[in-house]
Amino acid sequence: MTHDFTYLNQLGVVDLLDRAHRGNWTGPEAHMIRALAERLEEHLDAVNEYDAVNDALIDANQRAEALEAQGLELERARNEWQSIAEALNGRVKELTY
């Protein structure tokens, strides 16, 4: 009698890992299945770590862009105030001479 294991394709990775760990595996397949499950868990951990680092980088990039925009606004304000100060100094010189 052959078994139809196509239903396994419908399971999520976590469910497959759980079944691999809970399974009553015997023979050479047991070591292979356990090793595959362990490697897959390592890869999933790495993916989760990558996602966390990527999210942190995205947040840092957004903060940097906001700070850059704020810096540009401060530079414009500084230039405006400098122009006003120069105009006032010029006017003071006109009035005092």
PDB file of N, CA and C in Angstrom:
ATOM      1  N   MET A   1       0.846  -1.169   0.000  1.00  0.00           N
ATOM      2  CA  MET A   1       0.000   0.000   0.000  1.00  0.00           C
ATOM      3  C   MET A   1       0.899   1.242   0.000  1.00  0.00           C
ATOM      4  N   THR A   2       0.599   2.147  -0.886  1.00  0.00           N
ATOM      5  CA  THR A   2       1.369   3.385  -0.931  1.00  0.00           C
ATOM      6  C   THR A   2       0.599   4.470  -0.186  1.00  0.00           C
ATOM      7  N   HIS A   3       1.360   5.376   0.363  1.00  0.00           N
ATOM      8  CA  HIS A   3       0.751   6.477   1.110  1.00  0.00           C
ATOM      9  C   HIS A   3       0.791   7.735   0.260  1.00  0.00           C
ATOM     10  N   ASP A   4      -0.249   8.507   0.357  1.00  0.00           N
ATOM     11  CA  ASP A   4      -0.304   9.785  -0.353  1.00  0.00           C
ATOM     12  C   ASP A   4       0.093  10.883   0.631  1.00  0.00           C
ATOM     13  N   PHE A   5       1.281  11.442   0.416  1.00  0.00           N
ATOM     14  CA  PHE A   5       1.793  12.478   1.314  1.00  0.00           C
ATOM     15  C   PHE A   5       1.651  13.879   0.727  1.00  0.00           C
ATOM     16  N   THR A   6       0.831  14.019  -0.319  1.00  0.00           N
ATOM     17  CA  THR A   6       0.691  15.333  -0.952  1.00  0.00           C
ATOM     18  C   THR A   6       0.081  16.357   0.002  1.00  0.00           C
ATOM     19  N   TYR A   7      -0.652  15.896   1.011  1.00  0.00           N
ATOM     20  CA  TYR A   7      -1.240  16.833   1.973  1.00  0.00           C
ATOM     21  C   TYR A   7      -0.154  17.621   2.702  1.00  0.00           C
ATOM     22  N   LEU A   8       1.039  17.048   2.795  1.00  0.00           N
ATOM     23  CA  LEU A   8       2.134  17.749   3.471  1.00  0.00           C
ATOM     24  C   LEU A   8       2.491  19.049   2.766  1.00  0.00           C
ATOM     25  N   ASN A   9       2.257  19.104   1.465  1.00  0.00           N
ATOM     26  CA  ASN A   9       2.537  20.322   0.715  1.00  0.00           C
ATOM     27  C   ASN A   9       1.619  21.471   1.130  1.00  0.00           C
ATOM     28  N   GLN A  10       0.510  21.155   1.747  1.00  0.00           N
ATOM     29  CA  GLN A  10      -0.432  22.178   2.181  1.00  0.00           C
ATOM     30  C   GLN A  10      -0.091  22.742   3.562  1.00  0.00           C
ATOM     31  N   LEU A  11       0.807  22.084   4.275  1.00  0.00           N
ATOM     32  CA  LEU A  11       1.158  22.524   5.624  1.00  0.00           C
ATOM     33  C   LEU A  11       2.180  23.651   5.578  1.00  0.00           C
ATOM     34  N   GLY A  12       2.136  24.490   6.598  1.00  0.00           N
ATOM     35  CA  GLY A  12       3.129  25.546   6.737  1.00  0.00           C
ATOM     36  C   GLY A  12       4.453  24.969   7.219  1.00  0.00           C
ATOM     37  N   VAL A  13       5.490  25.758   7.097  1.00  0.00           N
ATOM     38  CA  VAL A  13       6.836  25.309   7.474  1.00  0.00           C
ATOM     39  C   VAL A  13       6.891  24.952   8.951  1.00  0.00           C
ATOM     40  N   VAL A  14       6.280  25.757   9.806  1.00  0.00           N
ATOM     41  CA  VAL A  14       6.318  25.498  11.238  1.00  0.00           C
ATOM     42  C   VAL A  14       5.626  24.171  11.555  1.00  0.00           C
ATOM     43  N   ASP A  15       4.498  23.910  10.904  1.00  0.00           N
ATOM     44  CA  ASP A  15       3.805  22.633  11.118  1.00  0.00           C
ATOM     45  C   ASP A  15       4.661  21.460  10.657  1.00  0.00           C
ATOM     46  N   LEU A  16       5.324  21.630   9.519  1.00  0.00           N
ATOM     47  CA  LEU A  16       6.201  20.558   9.036  1.00  0.00           C
ATOM     48  C   LEU A  16       7.350  20.312  10.000  1.00  0.00           C
ATOM     49  N   LEU A  17       7.921  21.382  10.521  1.00  0.00           N
ATOM     50  CA  LEU A  17       9.004  21.226  11.496  1.00  0.00           C
ATOM     51  C   LEU A  17       8.511  20.519  12.747  1.00  0.00           C
ATOM     52  N   ASP A  18       7.342  20.905  13.198  1.00  0.00           N
ATOM     53  CA  ASP A  18       6.773  20.263  14.385  1.00  0.00           C
ATOM     54  C   ASP A  18       6.566  18.774  14.147  1.00  0.00           C
ATOM     55  N   ARG A  19       6.055  18.422  12.986  1.00  0.00           N
ATOM     56  CA  ARG A  19       5.849  17.003  12.663  1.00  0.00           C
ATOM     57  C   ARG A  19       7.178  16.262  12.539  1.00  0.00           C
ATOM     58  N   ALA A  20       8.180  16.950  11.997  1.00  0.00           N
ATOM     59  CA  ALA A  20       9.492  16.304  11.861  1.00  0.00           C
ATOM     60  C   ALA A  20      10.087  16.004  13.231  1.00  0.00           C
ATOM     61  N   HIS A  21       9.900  16.932  14.169  1.00  0.00           N
ATOM     62  CA  HIS A  21      10.439  16.718  15.514  1.00  0.00           C
ATOM     63  C   HIS A  21       9.631  15.698  16.313  1.00  0.00           C
ATOM     64  N   ARG A  22       8.322  15.655  16.103  1.00  0.00           N
ATOM     65  CA  ARG A  22       7.468  14.739  16.856  1.00  0.00           C
ATOM     66  C   ARG A  22       7.404  13.350  16.254  1.00  0.00           C
ATOM     67  N   GLY A  23       7.784  13.254  14.998  1.00  0.00           N
ATOM     68  CA  GLY A  23       7.633  11.984  14.298  1.00  0.00           C
ATOM     69  C   GLY A  23       8.425  10.844  14.941  1.00  0.00           C
ATOM     70  N   ASN A  24       7.895   9.677  14.798  1.00  0.00           N
ATOM     71  CA  ASN A  24       8.561   8.478  15.317  1.00  0.00           C
ATOM     72  C   ASN A  24       9.376   7.885  14.175  1.00  0.00           C
ATOM     73  N   TRP A  25      10.455   8.570  13.847  1.00  0.00           N
ATOM     74  CA  TRP A  25      11.260   8.195  12.700  1.00  0.00           C
ATOM     75  C   TRP A  25      12.235   7.095  13.077  1.00  0.00           C
ATOM     76  N   THR A  26      12.372   6.156  12.178  1.00  0.00           N
ATOM     77  CA  THR A  26      13.326   5.071  12.396  1.00  0.00           C
ATOM     78  C   THR A  26      14.157   4.901  11.141  1.00  0.00           C
ATOM     79  N   GLY A  27      15.266   4.277  11.285  1.00  0.00           N
ATOM     80  CA  GLY A  27      16.112   3.998  10.132  1.00  0.00           C
ATOM     81  C   GLY A  27      16.906   5.216   9.703  1.00  0.00           C
ATOM     82  N   PRO A  28      17.517   5.122   8.536  1.00  0.00           N
ATOM     83  CA  PRO A  28      18.375   6.208   8.064  1.00  0.00           C
ATOM     84  C   PRO A  28      17.610   7.510   7.814  1.00  0.00           C
ATOM     85  N   GLU A  29      16.320   7.406   7.525  1.00  0.00           N
ATOM     86  CA  GLU A  29      15.543   8.618   7.277  1.00  0.00           C
ATOM     87  C   GLU A  29      15.449   9.487   8.517  1.00  0.00           C
ATOM     88  N   ALA A  30      15.485   8.870   9.685  1.00  0.00           N
ATOM     89  CA  ALA A  30      15.329   9.613  10.928  1.00  0.00           C
ATOM     90  C   ALA A  30      16.409  10.681  11.058  1.00  0.00           C
ATOM     91  N   HIS A  31      17.654  10.306  10.831  1.00  0.00           N
ATOM     92  CA  HIS A  31      18.756  11.266  10.962  1.00  0.00           C
ATOM     93  C   HIS A  31      18.643  12.362   9.900  1.00  0.00           C
ATOM     94  N   MET A  32      18.267  11.972   8.696  1.00  0.00           N
ATOM     95  CA  MET A  32      18.146  12.938   7.620  1.00  0.00           C
ATOM     96  C   MET A  32      17.030  13.942   7.920  1.00  0.00           C
ATOM     97  N   ILE A  33      15.883  13.453   8.348  1.00  0.00           N
ATOM     98  CA  ILE A  33      14.743  14.333   8.617  1.00  0.00           C
ATOM     99  C   ILE A  33      15.061  15.271   9.776  1.00  0.00           C
ATOM    100  N   ARG A  34      15.664  14.748  10.831  1.00  0.00           N
ATOM    101  CA  ARG A  34      16.015  15.602  11.972  1.00  0.00           C
ATOM    102  C   ARG A  34      17.060  16.641  11.570  1.00  0.00           C
ATOM    103  N   ALA A  35      18.052  16.226  10.781  1.00  0.00           N
ATOM    104  CA  ALA A  35      19.086  17.168  10.333  1.00  0.00           C
ATOM    105  C   ALA A  35      18.475  18.251   9.442  1.00  0.00           C
ATOM    106  N   LEU A  36      17.586  17.849   8.543  1.00  0.00           N
ATOM    107  CA  LEU A  36      16.918  18.826   7.686  1.00  0.00           C
ATOM    108  C   LEU A  36      16.075  19.799   8.510  1.00  0.00           C
ATOM    109  N   ALA A  37      15.378  19.278   9.503  1.00  0.00           N
ATOM    110  CA  ALA A  37      14.552  20.133  10.353  1.00  0.00           C
ATOM    111  C   ALA A  37      15.424  21.127  11.118  1.00  0.00           C
ATOM    112  N   GLU A  38      16.538  20.664  11.647  1.00  0.00           N
ATOM    113  CA  GLU A  38      17.438  21.561  12.380  1.00  0.00           C
ATOM    114  C   GLU A  38      18.019  22.634  11.465  1.00  0.00           C
ATOM    115  N   ARG A  39      18.435  22.237  10.274  1.00  0.00           N
ATOM    116  CA  ARG A  39      18.981  23.216   9.323  1.00  0.00           C
ATOM    117  C   ARG A  39      17.918  24.230   8.914  1.00  0.00           C
ATOM    118  N   LEU A  40      16.710  23.753   8.684  1.00  0.00           N
ATOM    119  CA  LEU A  40      15.635  24.659   8.304  1.00  0.00           C
ATOM    120  C   LEU A  40      15.346  25.648   9.432  1.00  0.00           C
ATOM    121  N   GLU A  41      15.367  25.182  10.678  1.00  0.00           N
ATOM    122  CA  GLU A  41      15.165  26.087  11.811  1.00  0.00           C
ATOM    123  C   GLU A  41      16.276  27.127  11.870  1.00  0.00           C
ATOM    124  N   GLU A  42      17.509  26.724  11.590  1.00  0.00           N
ATOM    125  CA  GLU A  42      18.625  27.676  11.574  1.00  0.00           C
ATOM    126  C   GLU A  42      18.402  28.736  10.494  1.00  0.00           C
ATOM    127  N   HIS A  43      17.933  28.300   9.342  1.00  0.00           N
ATOM    128  CA  HIS A  43      17.666  29.242   8.249  1.00  0.00           C
ATOM    129  C   HIS A  43      16.518  30.179   8.601  1.00  0.00           C
ATOM    130  N   LEU A  44      15.486  29.652   9.239  1.00  0.00           N
ATOM    131  CA  LEU A  44      14.366  30.499   9.650  1.00  0.00           C
ATOM    132  C   LEU A  44      14.810  31.515  10.695  1.00  0.00           C
ATOM    133  N   ASP A  45      15.666  31.090  11.619  1.00  0.00           N
ATOM    134  CA  ASP A  45      16.207  32.026  12.608  1.00  0.00           C
ATOM    135  C   ASP A  45      17.001  33.127  11.915  1.00  0.00           C
ATOM    136  N   ALA A  46      17.796  32.754  10.919  1.00  0.00           N
ATOM    137  CA  ALA A  46      18.584  33.740  10.181  1.00  0.00           C
ATOM    138  C   ALA A  46      17.675  34.708   9.421  1.00  0.00           C
ATOM    139  N   VAL A  47      16.594  34.193   8.856  1.00  0.00           N
ATOM    140  CA  VAL A  47      15.634  35.055   8.148  1.00  0.00           C
ATOM    141  C   VAL A  47      15.001  36.043   9.120  1.00  0.00           C
ATOM    142  N   ASN A  48      14.617  35.562  10.298  1.00  0.00           N
ATOM    143  CA  ASN A  48      14.022  36.448  11.302  1.00  0.00           C
ATOM    144  C   ASN A  48      15.014  37.512  11.755  1.00  0.00           C
ATOM    145  N   GLU A  49      16.271  37.112  11.926  1.00  0.00           N
ATOM    146  CA  GLU A  49      17.307  38.064  12.318  1.00  0.00           C
ATOM    147  C   GLU A  49      17.515  39.092  11.203  1.00  0.00           C
ATOM    148  N   TYR A  50      17.553  38.626   9.966  1.00  0.00           N
ATOM    149  CA  TYR A  50      17.697  39.539   8.816  1.00  0.00           C
ATOM    150  C   TYR A  50      16.541  40.526   8.782  1.00  0.00           C
ATOM    151  N   ASP A  51      15.319  40.036   8.981  1.00  0.00           N
ATOM    152  CA  ASP A  51      14.151  40.916   8.963  1.00  0.00           C
ATOM    153  C   ASP A  51      14.253  41.981  10.047  1.00  0.00           C
ATOM    154  N   ALA A  52      14.707  41.589  11.237  1.00  0.00           N
ATOM    155  CA  ALA A  52      14.843  42.551  12.329  1.00  0.00           C
ATOM    156  C   ALA A  52      15.892  43.603  11.995  1.00  0.00           C
ATOM    157  N   VAL A  53      17.025  43.164  11.443  1.00  0.00           N
ATOM    158  CA  VAL A  53      18.084  44.109  11.069  1.00  0.00           C
ATOM    159  C   VAL A  53      17.593  45.017   9.941  1.00  0.00           C
ATOM    160  N   ASN A  54      16.907  44.447   8.980  1.00  0.00           N
ATOM    161  CA  ASN A  54      16.380  45.234   7.864  1.00  0.00           C
ATOM    162  C   ASN A  54      15.380  46.275   8.358  1.00  0.00           C
ATOM    163  N   ASP A  55      14.504  45.889   9.276  1.00  0.00           N
ATOM    164  CA  ASP A  55      13.543  46.841   9.839  1.00  0.00           C
ATOM    165  C   ASP A  55      14.266  47.972  10.567  1.00  0.00           C
ATOM    166  N   ALA A  56      15.312  47.623  11.318  1.00  0.00           N
ATOM    167  CA  ALA A  56      16.088  48.646  12.025  1.00  0.00           C
ATOM    168  C   ALA A  56      16.769  49.589  11.040  1.00  0.00           C
ATOM    169  N   LEU A  57      17.284  49.045   9.941  1.00  0.00           N
ATOM    170  CA  LEU A  57      17.917  49.884   8.930  1.00  0.00           C
ATOM    171  C   LEU A  57      16.912  50.813   8.248  1.00  0.00           C
ATOM    172  N   ILE A  58      15.736  50.305   7.977  1.00  0.00           N
ATOM    173  CA  ILE A  58      14.690  51.133   7.373  1.00  0.00           C
ATOM    174  C   ILE A  58      14.320  52.276   8.324  1.00  0.00           C
ATOM    175  N   ASP A  59      14.149  51.952   9.613  1.00  0.00           N
ATOM    176  CA  ASP A  59      13.831  52.991  10.598  1.00  0.00           C
ATOM    177  C   ASP A  59      14.949  54.025  10.682  1.00  0.00           C
ATOM    178  N   ALA A  60      16.190  53.545  10.710  1.00  0.00           N
ATOM    179  CA  ALA A  60      17.328  54.466  10.787  1.00  0.00           C
ATOM    180  C   ALA A  60      17.390  55.360   9.549  1.00  0.00           C
ATOM    181  N   ASN A  61      17.112  54.789   8.398  1.00  0.00           N
ATOM    182  CA  ASN A  61      17.117  55.561   7.161  1.00  0.00           C
ATOM    183  C   ASN A  61      16.022  56.627   7.175  1.00  0.00           C
ATOM    184  N   GLN A  62      14.860  56.279   7.670  1.00  0.00           N
ATOM    185  CA  GLN A  62      13.764  57.244   7.755  1.00  0.00           C
ATOM    186  C   GLN A  62      14.112  58.378   8.727  1.00  0.00           C
ATOM    187  N   ARG A  63      14.743  58.022   9.859  1.00  0.00           N
ATOM    188  CA  ARG A  63      15.163  59.057  10.807  1.00  0.00           C
ATOM    189  C   ARG A  63      16.224  59.955  10.187  1.00  0.00           C
ATOM    190  N   ALA A  64      17.153  59.353   9.445  1.00  0.00           N
ATOM    191  CA  ALA A  64      18.212  60.133   8.793  1.00  0.00           C
ATOM    192  C   ALA A  64      17.619  61.087   7.767  1.00  0.00           C
ATOM    193  N   GLU A  65      16.642  60.628   6.999  1.00  0.00           N
ATOM    194  CA  GLU A  65      15.993  61.492   6.020  1.00  0.00           C
ATOM    195  C   GLU A  65      15.266  62.649   6.704  1.00  0.00           C
ATOM    196  N   ALA A  66      14.607  62.355   7.822  1.00  0.00           N
ATOM    197  CA  ALA A  66      13.908  63.406   8.566  1.00  0.00           C
ATOM    198  C   ALA A  66      14.911  64.416   9.115  1.00  0.00           C
ATOM    199  N   LEU A  67      16.028  63.926   9.639  1.00  0.00           N
ATOM    200  CA  LEU A  67      17.055  64.830  10.164  1.00  0.00           C
ATOM    201  C   LEU A  67      17.679  65.662   9.047  1.00  0.00           C
ATOM    202  N   GLU A  68      17.855  65.053   7.893  1.00  0.00           N
ATOM    203  CA  GLU A  68      18.401  65.791   6.749  1.00  0.00           C
ATOM    204  C   GLU A  68      17.445  66.910   6.333  1.00  0.00           C
ATOM    205  N   ALA A  69      16.173  66.611   6.277  1.00  0.00           N
ATOM    206  CA  ALA A  69      15.180  67.631   5.924  1.00  0.00           C
ATOM    207  C   ALA A  69      15.173  68.736   6.979  1.00  0.00           C
ATOM    208  N   GLN A  70      15.266  68.346   8.237  1.00  0.00           N
ATOM    209  CA  GLN A  70      15.299  69.338   9.314  1.00  0.00           C
ATOM    210  C   GLN A  70      16.567  70.193   9.204  1.00  0.00           C
ATOM    211  N   GLY A  71      17.679  69.588   8.869  1.00  0.00           N
ATOM    212  CA  GLY A  71      18.932  70.322   8.687  1.00  0.00           C
ATOM    213  C   GLY A  71      18.836  71.313   7.544  1.00  0.00           C
ATOM    214  N   LEU A  72      18.206  70.904   6.452  1.00  0.00           N
ATOM    215  CA  LEU A  72      18.018  71.820   5.322  1.00  0.00           C
ATOM    216  C   LEU A  72      17.143  73.009   5.715  1.00  0.00           C
ATOM    217  N   GLU A  73      16.104  72.738   6.475  1.00  0.00           N
ATOM    218  CA  GLU A  73      15.225  73.814   6.933  1.00  0.00           C
ATOM    219  C   GLU A  73      15.985  74.765   7.854  1.00  0.00           C
ATOM    220  N   LEU A  74      16.797  74.224   8.743  1.00  0.00           N
ATOM    221  CA  LEU A  74      17.608  75.067   9.623  1.00  0.00           C
ATOM    222  C   LEU A  74      18.613  75.894   8.827  1.00  0.00           C
ATOM    223  N   GLU A  75      19.192  75.321   7.799  1.00  0.00           N
ATOM    224  CA  GLU A  75      20.144  76.042   6.943  1.00  0.00           C
ATOM    225  C   GLU A  75      19.446  77.202   6.226  1.00  0.00           C
ATOM    226  N   ARG A  76      18.241  76.956   5.718  1.00  0.00           N
ATOM    227  CA  ARG A  76      17.475  78.027   5.072  1.00  0.00           C
ATOM    228  C   ARG A  76      17.167  79.150   6.063  1.00  0.00           C
ATOM    229  N   ALA A  77      16.766  78.777   7.267  1.00  0.00           N
ATOM    230  CA  ALA A  77      16.451  79.778   8.291  1.00  0.00           C
ATOM    231  C   ALA A  77      17.702  80.567   8.660  1.00  0.00           C
ATOM    232  N   ARG A  78      18.819  79.879   8.801  1.00  0.00           N
ATOM    233  CA  ARG A  78      20.079  80.554   9.131  1.00  0.00           C
ATOM    234  C   ARG A  78      20.447  81.541   8.033  1.00  0.00           C
ATOM    235  N   ASN A  79      20.322  81.134   6.784  1.00  0.00           N
ATOM    236  CA  ASN A  79      20.632  82.025   5.667  1.00  0.00           C
ATOM    237  C   ASN A  79      19.714  83.243   5.662  1.00  0.00           C
ATOM    238  N   GLU A  80      18.450  83.016   5.962  1.00  0.00           N
ATOM    239  CA  GLU A  80      17.491  84.121   6.002  1.00  0.00           C
ATOM    240  C   GLU A  80      17.859  85.108   7.114  1.00  0.00           C
ATOM    241  N   TRP A  81      18.165  84.566   8.295  1.00  0.00           N
ATOM    242  CA  TRP A  81      18.544  85.443   9.407  1.00  0.00           C
ATOM    243  C   TRP A  81      19.859  86.162   9.127  1.00  0.00           C
ATOM    244  N   GLN A  82      20.761  85.490   8.472  1.00  0.00           N
ATOM    245  CA  GLN A  82      22.033  86.127   8.127  1.00  0.00           C
ATOM    246  C   GLN A  82      21.813  87.281   7.150  1.00  0.00           C
ATOM    247  N   SER A  83      20.943  87.083   6.189  1.00  0.00           N
ATOM    248  CA  SER A  83      20.608  88.162   5.245  1.00  0.00           C
ATOM    249  C   SER A  83      19.981  89.338   5.974  1.00  0.00           C
ATOM    250  N   ILE A  84      19.087  89.053   6.899  1.00  0.00           N
ATOM    251  CA  ILE A  84      18.440  90.123   7.676  1.00  0.00           C
ATOM    252  C   ILE A  84      19.484  90.858   8.510  1.00  0.00           C
ATOM    253  N   ALA A  85      20.381  90.117   9.145  1.00  0.00           N
ATOM    254  CA  ALA A  85      21.423  90.738   9.972  1.00  0.00           C
ATOM    255  C   ALA A  85      22.336  91.613   9.123  1.00  0.00           C
ATOM    256  N   GLU A  86      22.704  91.148   7.952  1.00  0.00           N
ATOM    257  CA  GLU A  86      23.556  91.938   7.068  1.00  0.00           C
ATOM    258  C   GLU A  86      22.841  93.221   6.622  1.00  0.00           C
ATOM    259  N   ALA A  87      21.563  93.098   6.317  1.00  0.00           N
ATOM    260  CA  ALA A  87      20.789  94.274   5.918  1.00  0.00           C
ATOM    261  C   ALA A  87      20.692  95.266   7.070  1.00  0.00           C
ATOM    262  N   LEU A  88      20.469  94.773   8.279  1.00  0.00           N
ATOM    263  CA  LEU A  88      20.394  95.655   9.444  1.00  0.00           C
ATOM    264  C   LEU A  88      21.741  96.310   9.722  1.00  0.00           C
ATOM    265  N   ASN A  89      22.830  95.536   9.580  1.00  0.00           N
ATOM    266  CA  ASN A  89      24.162  96.130   9.774  1.00  0.00           C
ATOM    267  C   ASN A  89      24.422  97.218   8.747  1.00  0.00           C
ATOM    268  N   GLY A  90      24.016  96.972   7.528  1.00  0.00           N
ATOM    269  CA  GLY A  90      24.170  97.985   6.485  1.00  0.00           C
ATOM    270  C   GLY A  90      23.371  99.236   6.814  1.00  0.00           C
ATOM    271  N   ARG A  91      22.167  99.043   7.288  1.00  0.00           N
ATOM    272  CA  ARG A  91      21.303 100.177   7.641  1.00  0.00           C
ATOM    273  C   ARG A  91      21.887 100.955   8.823  1.00  0.00           C
ATOM    274  N   VAL A  92      22.439 100.221   9.817  1.00  0.00           N
ATOM    275  CA  VAL A  92      23.075 100.864  10.976  1.00  0.00           C
ATOM    276  C   VAL A  92      24.253 101.703  10.517  1.00  0.00           C
ATOM    277  N   LYS A  93      25.052 101.178   9.613  1.00  0.00           N
ATOM    278  CA  LYS A  93      26.209 101.940   9.086  1.00  0.00           C
ATOM    279  C   LYS A  93      25.757 103.196   8.363  1.00  0.00           C
ATOM    280  N   GLU A  94      24.668 103.076   7.611  1.00  0.00           N
ATOM    281  CA  GLU A  94      24.129 104.252   6.903  1.00  0.00           C
ATOM    282  C   GLU A  94      23.701 105.342   7.888  1.00  0.00           C
ATOM    283  N   LEU A  95      23.062 104.895   8.970  1.00  0.00           N
ATOM    284  CA  LEU A  95      22.529 105.859   9.931  1.00  0.00           C
ATOM    285  C   LEU A  95      23.627 106.461  10.805  1.00  0.00           C
ATOM    286  N   THR A  96      24.705 105.746  11.020  1.00  0.00           N
ATOM    287  CA  THR A  96      25.762 106.256  11.917  1.00  0.00           C
ATOM    288  C   THR A  96      26.819 107.053  11.195  1.00  0.00           C
ATOM    289  N   TYR A  97      26.877 107.023   9.904  1.00  0.00           N
ATOM    290  CA  TYR A  97      27.926 107.781   9.167  1.00  0.00           C
ATOM    291  C   TYR A  97      27.372 108.989   8.551  1.00  0.00           C
TER     292      TYR A  97
END
